[in-house]
Amino acid sequence: MNWTMDKSLKLSRVCVAVFSVLLAALCISGPWFWKAVLHRENIAWLYLAVTYSTAVPAALVLLCLHRLLKNISQEDVFCEENVRHLRTMSWCCIAAGLVYFAAGWFDWYLFVFAAAAAFVGEALGLKPIMTFENGASKVVTKVRGEKNVIPTILELAQKEREPGTPYLIIRAARPDQAELLTESCRQAFGQEPAMDCFIGGVIAINAGPNLVGLIYRKK
């Protein structure tokens, strides 16, 4: 079978539509569904409460996935809107995980869903710190949240960079992060960047639209 990117996108959008229908059906049939499938009728109220409490974040995740896939199908991959969708999905998964965690104290099975939701939310919120050497990319580490990205980049550069040599700032769709990195480098290195430039397609494919970084000479 000749599987293409277009077919993969179509399948993903079909899956999002199917899960949306299933979510709506579960919300409508919840009172009867949980009584029918649970062997303990006295716990049906808990699963019903969890269903309705997590329906909103679940719907938001599906909506963000739909819009994300739509943008990708239009070849609009590295844009700020997609970043917002991923961030929203991350927070929705964490919110659902908190609901499952609270409900898990009444029925321990729900702790499994709490762990799964928290894992997905955490994975979506992680920011990779990458290096590009000799045409190859490598993930050095991952940090949680944007506030930890620039300090980690600076820490790595201070360990590896040859002191007194020129350095370049590279950026994508986040001028605020680029300006923050520039100011942080001025203070850490005591010199201005030799150049401030936008990334090209090769790096963007690997790193995404929010990239900020440094080019420097290693020791």
Protein backbone atom coordinates (compact mmCIF):
# COMPACT_ATOMS: atom_id res chain seq x y z
CA MET A 1 0.00 0.00 0.00
CA ASN A 2 1.37 3.43 -0.97
CA TRP A 3 0.79 5.36 2.27
CA THR A 4 1.21 9.11 1.84
CA MET A 5 1.13 12.15 4.11
CA ASP A 6 -2.27 13.15 2.69
CA LYS A 7 -3.74 9.74 3.54
CA SER A 8 -2.28 9.93 7.04
CA LEU A 9 -3.83 13.35 7.58
CA LYS A 10 -7.21 12.17 6.28
CA LEU A 11 -7.12 9.15 8.61
CA SER A 12 -6.20 11.37 11.56
CA ARG A 13 -9.08 13.74 10.82
CA VAL A 14 -11.49 10.82 10.52
CA CYS A 15 -10.29 9.53 13.90
CA VAL A 16 -10.85 12.96 15.47
CA ALA A 17 -14.40 13.03 14.04
CA VAL A 18 -15.12 9.50 15.32
CA PHE A 19 -13.86 10.31 18.82
CA SER A 20 -15.93 13.51 18.82
CA VAL A 21 -19.08 11.49 18.06
CA LEU A 22 -18.17 8.95 20.75
CA LEU A 23 -17.62 11.73 23.30
CA ALA A 24 -21.00 13.27 22.52
CA ALA A 25 -22.67 9.85 22.72
CA LEU A 26 -21.03 9.15 26.09
CA CYS A 27 -22.18 12.49 27.49
CA ILE A 28 -25.76 11.85 26.34
CA SER A 29 -25.95 8.20 27.42
CA GLY A 30 -23.75 8.53 30.51
CA PRO A 31 -26.39 7.79 33.19
CA TRP A 32 -27.49 4.59 31.44
CA PHE A 33 -24.06 3.59 30.09
CA TRP A 34 -22.23 3.49 33.42
CA LYS A 35 -25.03 1.65 35.18
CA ALA A 36 -24.96 -0.95 32.43
CA VAL A 37 -21.19 -1.54 32.28
CA LEU A 38 -20.24 -1.21 35.96
CA HIS A 39 -20.71 -4.17 38.22
CA ARG A 40 -20.91 -1.84 41.21
CA GLU A 41 -23.95 0.38 40.84
CA ASN A 42 -23.00 2.41 43.92
CA ILE A 43 -19.96 3.77 42.06
CA ALA A 44 -21.76 4.78 38.85
CA TRP A 45 -22.21 8.34 40.16
CA LEU A 46 -18.42 8.74 40.36
CA TYR A 47 -17.81 7.74 36.74
CA LEU A 48 -20.68 9.94 35.62
CA ALA A 49 -19.19 12.91 37.48
CA VAL A 50 -15.76 12.21 35.97
CA THR A 51 -17.28 11.92 32.49
CA TYR A 52 -18.95 15.31 32.66
CA SER A 53 -15.97 16.96 34.42
CA THR A 54 -13.54 15.85 31.74
CA ALA A 55 -15.88 16.31 28.76
CA VAL A 56 -14.93 19.97 28.33
CA PRO A 57 -11.14 19.46 28.27
CA ALA A 58 -11.63 16.39 26.07
CA ALA A 59 -13.73 18.41 23.62
CA LEU A 60 -11.11 21.16 23.59
CA VAL A 61 -8.39 18.64 22.80
CA LEU A 62 -10.41 17.28 19.89
CA LEU A 63 -11.15 20.79 18.62
CA CYS A 64 -7.47 21.75 18.80
CA LEU A 65 -6.51 18.52 17.02
CA HIS A 66 -9.03 19.26 14.27
CA ARG A 67 -7.66 22.77 13.74
CA LEU A 68 -4.07 21.57 13.97
CA LEU A 69 -4.62 18.92 11.33
CA LYS A 70 -6.48 21.41 9.15
CA ASN A 71 -3.53 23.80 9.27
CA ILE A 72 -1.08 21.01 8.48
CA SER A 73 -3.18 19.90 5.52
CA GLN A 74 -2.92 23.47 4.21
CA GLU A 75 0.88 23.27 4.66
CA ASP A 76 0.71 25.82 7.45
CA VAL A 77 2.80 23.83 9.93
CA PHE A 78 5.16 26.23 11.69
CA CYS A 79 2.76 28.93 12.85
CA GLU A 80 1.88 30.50 16.19
CA GLU A 81 -1.68 29.16 16.00
CA ASN A 82 -0.42 25.57 16.05
CA VAL A 83 1.74 26.33 19.06
CA ARG A 84 -1.33 27.67 20.90
CA HIS A 85 -3.25 24.52 20.02
CA LEU A 86 -0.49 22.30 21.42
CA ARG A 87 -0.30 24.40 24.58
CA THR A 88 -4.08 24.19 25.05
CA MET A 89 -4.01 20.43 24.57
CA SER A 90 -1.26 20.13 27.17
CA TRP A 91 -3.21 22.06 29.81
CA CYS A 92 -6.42 20.16 29.01
CA CYS A 93 -4.67 16.82 29.54
CA ILE A 94 -3.24 18.03 32.84
CA ALA A 95 -6.70 19.26 33.92
CA ALA A 96 -8.23 15.89 33.07
CA GLY A 97 -5.42 14.16 34.95
CA LEU A 98 -6.22 16.17 38.08
CA VAL A 99 -9.88 15.15 37.85
CA TYR A 100 -8.94 11.48 37.48
CA PHE A 101 -6.46 11.76 40.35
CA ALA A 102 -9.09 13.20 42.67
CA ALA A 103 -11.58 10.52 41.62
CA GLY A 104 -8.95 7.82 42.10
CA TRP A 105 -9.27 8.14 45.87
CA PHE A 106 -12.79 6.72 45.50
CA ASP A 107 -11.88 4.09 42.90
CA TRP A 108 -8.20 3.28 42.33
CA TYR A 109 -8.77 2.26 38.68
CA LEU A 110 -9.02 5.95 37.85
CA PHE A 111 -5.42 6.51 38.96
CA VAL A 112 -4.40 4.75 35.73
CA PHE A 113 -6.24 7.37 33.65
CA ALA A 114 -4.75 10.12 35.81
CA ALA A 115 -1.23 8.89 35.07
CA ALA A 116 -1.94 8.57 31.34
CA ALA A 117 -3.45 12.07 31.07
CA ALA A 118 -0.62 13.61 33.10
CA PHE A 119 1.97 11.86 30.91
CA VAL A 120 0.42 13.20 27.69
CA GLY A 121 0.10 16.70 29.16
CA GLU A 122 3.69 16.64 30.32
CA ALA A 123 4.92 15.37 26.96
CA LEU A 124 3.12 18.16 25.10
CA GLY A 125 4.59 20.76 27.47
CA LEU A 126 8.22 19.63 27.22
CA LYS A 127 10.67 21.82 25.31
CA PRO A 128 13.63 20.05 23.70
CA ILE A 129 17.10 21.59 23.81
CA MET A 130 18.76 20.55 20.55
CA THR A 131 22.17 20.86 18.96
CA PHE A 132 23.05 20.76 15.26
CA GLU A 133 26.52 19.52 14.42
CA ASN A 134 27.86 18.23 11.11
CA GLY A 135 24.36 18.23 9.63
CA ALA A 136 22.85 16.08 12.39
CA SER A 137 20.42 17.14 15.10
CA LYS A 138 20.57 15.82 18.66
CA VAL A 139 18.26 16.37 21.63
CA VAL A 140 20.58 17.20 24.54
CA THR A 141 17.87 17.52 27.18
CA LYS A 142 14.24 18.54 27.69
CA VAL A 143 12.90 21.23 30.00
CA ARG A 144 9.44 21.96 31.32
CA GLY A 145 8.00 25.34 30.25
CA GLU A 146 9.37 28.27 28.25
CA LYS A 147 10.91 29.98 31.27
CA ASN A 148 13.57 27.24 31.49
CA VAL A 149 14.57 27.24 27.82
CA ILE A 150 16.88 30.26 27.69
CA PRO A 151 18.69 29.57 31.00
CA THR A 152 19.41 26.03 29.79
CA ILE A 153 20.70 27.27 26.40
CA LEU A 154 22.98 29.77 28.16
CA GLU A 155 24.27 27.15 30.58
CA LEU A 156 25.17 24.87 27.67
CA ALA A 157 26.79 27.71 25.70
CA GLN A 158 28.88 28.85 28.66
CA LYS A 159 30.27 25.33 29.01
CA GLU A 160 31.02 24.81 25.30
CA ARG A 161 31.69 28.23 23.74
CA GLU A 162 35.18 29.52 23.15
CA PRO A 163 35.35 32.77 25.22
CA GLY A 164 35.61 35.99 23.24
CA THR A 165 34.52 34.46 19.94
CA PRO A 166 31.55 35.83 17.94
CA TYR A 167 28.11 34.29 18.36
CA LEU A 168 24.87 34.49 16.37
CA ILE A 169 21.25 34.61 17.52
CA ILE A 170 18.83 32.51 15.48
CA ARG A 171 15.07 32.89 15.73
CA ALA A 172 11.74 31.85 14.26
CA ALA A 173 8.21 33.07 15.14
CA ARG A 174 8.85 34.30 18.69
CA PRO A 175 10.56 37.72 18.66
CA ASP A 176 9.96 38.14 22.40
CA GLN A 177 11.98 35.00 23.18
CA ALA A 178 14.70 36.05 20.74
CA GLU A 179 15.02 39.46 22.40
CA LEU A 180 15.17 37.84 25.82
CA LEU A 181 17.91 35.49 24.63
CA THR A 182 19.83 38.40 23.11
CA GLU A 183 19.73 40.41 26.34
CA SER A 184 20.68 37.35 28.39
CA CYS A 185 23.68 36.72 26.11
CA ARG A 186 24.81 40.34 26.41
CA GLN A 187 24.90 39.98 30.17
CA ALA A 188 26.47 36.50 30.18
CA PHE A 189 29.09 37.00 27.43
CA GLY A 190 29.74 40.72 27.75
CA GLN A 191 29.47 41.32 24.00
CA GLU A 192 26.87 41.92 21.31
CA PRO A 193 25.81 39.16 18.92
CA ALA A 194 27.59 39.26 15.56
CA MET A 195 24.31 38.60 13.75
CA ASP A 196 20.60 38.05 14.39
CA CYS A 197 18.92 35.95 11.72
CA PHE A 198 15.86 33.85 10.98
CA ILE A 199 16.16 30.07 10.62
CA GLY A 200 15.73 28.25 7.35
CA GLY A 201 13.48 25.35 6.43
CA VAL A 202 15.97 22.58 7.30
CA ILE A 203 16.21 23.61 10.95
CA ALA A 204 12.52 24.57 11.14
CA ILE A 205 11.44 21.06 10.15
CA ASN A 206 13.35 19.66 13.13
CA ALA A 207 12.75 22.38 15.70
CA GLY A 208 9.39 24.05 14.96
CA PRO A 209 8.17 27.67 14.85
CA ASN A 210 9.13 28.66 18.39
CA LEU A 211 12.84 28.05 18.01
CA VAL A 212 15.41 30.38 19.50
CA GLY A 213 19.07 29.52 19.68
CA LEU A 214 22.73 30.33 19.36
CA ILE A 215 25.47 29.59 16.87
CA TYR A 216 28.94 29.68 18.44
CA ARG A 217 32.43 28.22 18.17
CA LYS A 218 33.09 25.34 20.54
CA LYS A 219 36.21 25.07 22.65
